[in-house]
Protein backbone atom coordinates (compact mmCIF):
# COMPACT_ATOMS: atom_id res chain seq x y z
CA MET A 1 125.01 62.26 -97.77
CA LYS A 2 124.03 64.90 -100.34
CA LEU A 3 120.53 64.87 -101.80
CA THR A 4 120.40 65.31 -105.54
CA ILE A 5 117.44 66.75 -107.43
CA ALA A 6 116.78 63.31 -108.90
CA MET A 7 116.65 61.73 -105.44
CA ILE A 8 114.22 64.40 -104.23
CA PHE A 9 111.88 63.86 -107.19
CA THR A 10 112.03 60.08 -106.66
CA ALA A 11 111.07 60.50 -103.01
CA LEU A 12 108.20 62.82 -103.90
CA SER A 13 106.90 60.42 -106.54
CA LEU A 14 106.84 57.59 -104.00
CA LEU A 15 105.15 59.80 -101.43
CA PHE A 16 102.33 60.86 -103.74
CA SER A 17 101.99 57.69 -105.84
CA LYS A 18 98.94 56.72 -103.80
CA PRO A 19 96.68 58.73 -101.49
CA PRO A 20 97.63 58.67 -97.81
CA ALA A 21 95.59 56.34 -95.62
CA TRP A 22 93.69 59.15 -93.90
CA THR A 23 92.13 60.28 -97.20
CA ALA A 24 90.59 56.89 -97.93
CA GLU A 25 86.83 56.56 -97.68
CA PRO A 26 85.81 54.54 -94.59
CA GLU A 27 84.47 51.10 -95.33
CA LEU A 28 80.68 50.82 -95.31
CA ILE A 29 79.30 48.53 -92.63
CA THR A 30 76.20 47.15 -94.30
CA LEU A 31 73.14 46.78 -92.09
CA PRO A 32 70.53 44.01 -92.41
CA GLN A 33 67.61 44.79 -94.66
CA PRO A 34 64.86 46.57 -92.71
CA ARG A 35 61.74 44.62 -91.85
CA PHE A 36 58.48 46.01 -93.19
CA ASP A 37 56.10 43.38 -91.80
CA ARG A 38 56.00 44.39 -88.14
CA GLY A 39 55.02 47.26 -85.87
CA LEU A 40 51.87 48.91 -84.56
CA PRO A 41 49.26 50.55 -86.80
CA LEU A 42 50.03 54.25 -87.25
CA MET A 43 47.26 55.56 -84.97
CA GLN A 44 48.34 53.27 -82.15
CA ALA A 45 51.98 54.31 -82.55
CA ILE A 46 50.92 57.96 -82.28
CA GLN A 47 48.85 57.10 -79.21
CA HIS A 48 51.96 55.63 -77.50
CA ARG A 49 54.44 58.30 -78.61
CA GLN A 50 56.22 59.84 -75.62
CA SER A 51 59.59 61.02 -74.28
CA SER A 52 61.50 59.11 -71.61
CA ARG A 53 64.78 59.75 -69.80
CA LEU A 54 65.00 56.38 -68.08
CA PHE A 55 67.09 53.94 -70.13
CA SER A 56 68.49 50.46 -69.72
CA LYS A 57 72.15 49.90 -70.63
CA LYS A 58 71.14 46.91 -72.78
CA ASN A 59 72.42 47.18 -76.34
CA LEU A 60 70.07 47.31 -79.31
CA PRO A 61 70.23 44.35 -81.72
CA GLU A 62 71.70 45.09 -85.14
CA GLN A 63 68.35 44.38 -86.80
CA THR A 64 66.62 46.91 -84.56
CA MET A 65 69.30 49.46 -85.41
CA SER A 66 68.71 48.77 -89.09
CA ASP A 67 64.95 49.19 -88.82
CA LEU A 68 65.30 52.34 -86.72
CA LEU A 69 67.72 54.11 -89.09
CA TRP A 70 65.69 53.23 -92.16
CA ALA A 71 62.50 54.50 -90.51
CA ALA A 72 64.34 57.67 -89.48
CA TYR A 73 65.90 58.68 -92.78
CA GLY A 74 66.26 55.74 -95.12
CA ILE A 75 65.47 55.58 -98.82
CA ASN A 76 61.85 54.54 -99.39
CA ARG A 77 61.79 55.25 -103.14
CA PRO A 78 64.88 53.58 -104.62
CA LYS A 79 64.40 54.90 -108.16
CA SER A 80 64.59 58.54 -107.05
CA GLY A 81 66.66 58.11 -103.88
CA LYS A 82 64.07 60.02 -101.87
CA ARG A 83 63.80 59.47 -98.17
CA THR A 84 61.35 58.64 -95.38
CA ALA A 85 61.49 62.28 -94.20
CA PRO A 86 61.09 65.41 -96.36
CA SER A 87 63.57 68.20 -97.03
CA ALA A 88 63.13 71.47 -98.94
CA HIS A 89 63.80 70.93 -102.65
CA ASP A 90 65.02 67.44 -101.71
CA ARG A 91 68.42 68.85 -100.70
CA GLN A 92 68.80 66.12 -98.05
CA GLU A 93 70.96 68.48 -96.03
CA ILE A 94 70.71 66.55 -92.77
CA ASP A 95 73.37 63.98 -91.88
CA LEU A 96 72.49 61.40 -89.25
CA TYR A 97 75.35 60.42 -86.94
CA VAL A 98 75.11 57.40 -84.62
CA ALA A 99 76.98 57.31 -81.31
CA THR A 100 77.31 53.96 -79.53
CA ALA A 101 79.73 52.40 -77.05
CA ASN A 102 81.71 51.09 -80.04
CA GLY A 103 82.22 54.47 -81.69
CA LEU A 104 80.74 57.21 -83.82
CA TYR A 105 79.21 56.37 -87.21
CA LEU A 106 77.62 58.22 -90.12
CA TYR A 107 74.47 56.66 -91.54
CA GLN A 108 74.57 56.20 -95.31
CA ALA A 109 71.05 55.81 -96.69
CA LYS A 110 72.45 54.76 -100.06
CA GLY A 111 73.65 51.26 -99.32
CA HIS A 112 71.86 51.31 -95.94
CA GLY A 113 74.97 51.13 -93.80
CA LEU A 114 77.31 52.91 -91.44
CA ASN A 115 80.69 54.53 -91.96
CA GLN A 116 82.76 54.59 -88.78
CA ILE A 117 84.09 58.04 -87.97
CA THR A 118 85.91 57.18 -84.75
CA ALA A 119 86.21 54.21 -82.41
CA GLY A 120 85.91 56.44 -79.35
CA ASP A 121 82.81 56.41 -77.16
CA ILE A 122 81.45 59.98 -77.31
CA ARG A 123 77.96 59.30 -75.97
CA LYS A 124 78.44 61.40 -72.82
CA LEU A 125 79.46 64.37 -74.99
CA THR A 126 76.07 64.40 -76.71
CA SER A 127 74.36 65.96 -73.68
CA ARG A 128 74.82 68.08 -70.58
CA GLN A 129 72.86 65.38 -68.73
CA LYS A 130 74.20 62.02 -67.54
CA PHE A 131 71.73 59.47 -68.91
CA PRO A 132 72.73 59.69 -72.63
CA GLY A 133 76.23 58.49 -71.70
CA GLN A 134 74.77 55.17 -70.52
CA ALA A 135 71.99 54.65 -73.06
CA PRO A 136 72.99 52.37 -75.97
CA LEU A 137 72.32 54.82 -78.80
CA ASN A 138 72.46 58.56 -79.39
CA LEU A 139 71.55 60.06 -82.74
CA ILE A 140 73.14 63.38 -83.67
CA TYR A 141 71.48 65.54 -86.34
CA VAL A 142 73.90 67.67 -88.34
CA VAL A 143 73.02 70.10 -91.13
CA ASN A 144 75.48 70.42 -94.01
CA PHE A 145 75.07 73.94 -95.36
CA SER A 146 77.19 73.14 -98.42
CA ARG A 147 74.10 71.41 -99.82
CA MET A 148 72.10 74.64 -99.44
CA LYS A 149 74.18 77.02 -101.51
CA GLY A 150 72.42 80.25 -102.35
CA VAL A 151 70.10 80.00 -99.35
CA PRO A 152 70.67 82.70 -96.67
CA ARG A 153 72.05 81.12 -93.49
CA GLU A 154 69.00 82.08 -91.39
CA ASN A 155 66.59 80.53 -93.91
CA ALA A 156 68.82 77.50 -94.31
CA LEU A 157 68.84 76.91 -90.56
CA GLU A 158 65.04 77.16 -90.41
CA ALA A 159 64.67 74.65 -93.25
CA ALA A 160 67.18 72.31 -91.59
CA ALA A 161 65.30 72.51 -88.29
CA ILE A 162 62.05 71.55 -90.02
CA ALA A 163 63.73 68.63 -91.81
CA THR A 164 65.28 67.46 -88.55
CA GLY A 165 61.91 67.60 -86.82
CA ALA A 166 60.44 65.25 -89.42
CA ILE A 167 63.24 62.72 -88.88
CA VAL A 168 62.98 63.02 -85.11
CA GLN A 169 59.25 62.24 -85.27
CA ASN A 170 59.93 59.18 -87.45
CA VAL A 171 62.24 57.92 -84.69
CA TYR A 172 59.63 58.66 -82.02
CA LEU A 173 56.95 56.71 -83.88
CA TYR A 174 59.26 53.77 -84.56
CA CYS A 175 60.20 53.63 -80.88
CA ALA A 176 56.54 53.82 -79.85
CA SER A 177 55.81 50.93 -82.16
CA GLU A 178 58.68 48.82 -80.79
CA GLY A 179 58.33 49.68 -77.12
CA LEU A 180 61.63 51.57 -76.96
CA ALA A 181 62.45 54.59 -74.83
CA VAL A 182 63.39 57.79 -76.67
CA VAL A 183 63.90 61.50 -76.08
CA ALA A 184 65.05 64.39 -78.28
CA ARG A 185 67.47 66.83 -76.65
CA GLY A 186 68.74 70.30 -77.46
CA SER A 187 70.88 70.86 -74.36
CA LEU A 188 74.42 70.02 -75.46
CA ASP A 189 77.81 71.68 -75.95
CA ARG A 190 77.68 71.96 -79.73
CA LYS A 191 81.13 73.49 -80.11
CA LYS A 192 82.87 70.79 -78.10
CA LEU A 193 80.91 67.97 -79.70
CA ALA A 194 81.52 69.31 -83.22
CA ALA A 195 85.27 69.39 -82.55
CA VAL A 196 85.29 65.76 -81.39
CA MET A 197 83.20 64.73 -84.41
CA GLY A 198 85.55 66.54 -86.78
CA LEU A 199 82.82 68.72 -88.28
CA GLY A 200 83.68 71.53 -90.68
CA ASP A 201 82.61 75.16 -90.92
CA ASP A 202 79.67 74.22 -93.19
CA GLN A 203 78.26 71.80 -90.62
CA HIS A 204 76.12 72.58 -87.57
CA ILE A 205 74.62 70.30 -84.91
CA ILE A 206 70.84 70.78 -84.64
CA LEU A 207 70.07 68.41 -81.76
CA ALA A 208 70.53 64.88 -80.44
CA GLN A 209 68.14 62.03 -79.67
CA THR A 210 68.64 59.15 -77.24
CA VAL A 211 67.21 55.69 -77.93
CA GLY A 212 67.24 52.45 -75.92
CA TYR A 213 65.24 49.98 -73.92
CA PRO A 214 63.21 51.39 -71.02
CA ALA A 215 64.80 51.04 -67.60
CA GLN A 216 63.26 48.19 -65.63
C-alpha cells in the first residue's frame, strides 16, 4: 500500500489534534481544610521540639496530612497568595514533594492539594538510612532555580537553603504540637533520587524530612 501526501497529512492531523496523555496536568487531589483550632501554644511547641529516628509504620490520617502541609508551606494570606514560610522577594522557589507508600506527590498550596507524580513507593530512596523507608511520610524539599532568574547560582542556593530551613522548622513545630516524630535529613543520594522523581536541570534537592507517629 502506497502512502499519499494526503494520507500522511491526515495521519499527522489526527496525531496532533489533541495533546498526548503524558502532557496532561495531573489531577489535583484536594485535601481537607486545615484545622486552626487545635495545637499547643507556641512556647510549649518550641519546648517540645526535637528530632527522632524511631517511627511507627502507622499511616497518618488525611486530616493530619492536610494540617501538616498547610503549616509547612500553605497559603496563610489568600489575597496575596503568600505562605506560612518566607522566601526572598516572595519567589516561592521551594517545591514540597510528599513521598508515601502510595506514591510521590507534589504539594500545591493554591488549591491545597496534591498532584501525584508517580504511584511508586520511593520512600527508601529518600535516605541512606533504613528508617525513612518504613515511616509513613517523607517530605522532599526541591529548589526550582527557574524562579530565581538573574540570581547567581551560589546566592540562589543560599537563599533556597534559608527558605527550606523556615519550612522545616514549621514542620518541626507542628509535629511537636501534635506529638509526632520528625527528623530533617541531608544524607541522601540526590542524583539518584532526582532521576526517579523526574527532576530537571533547574531543580535541586535540598534535603528531606521524615514524619510519623513515634515508635511504641
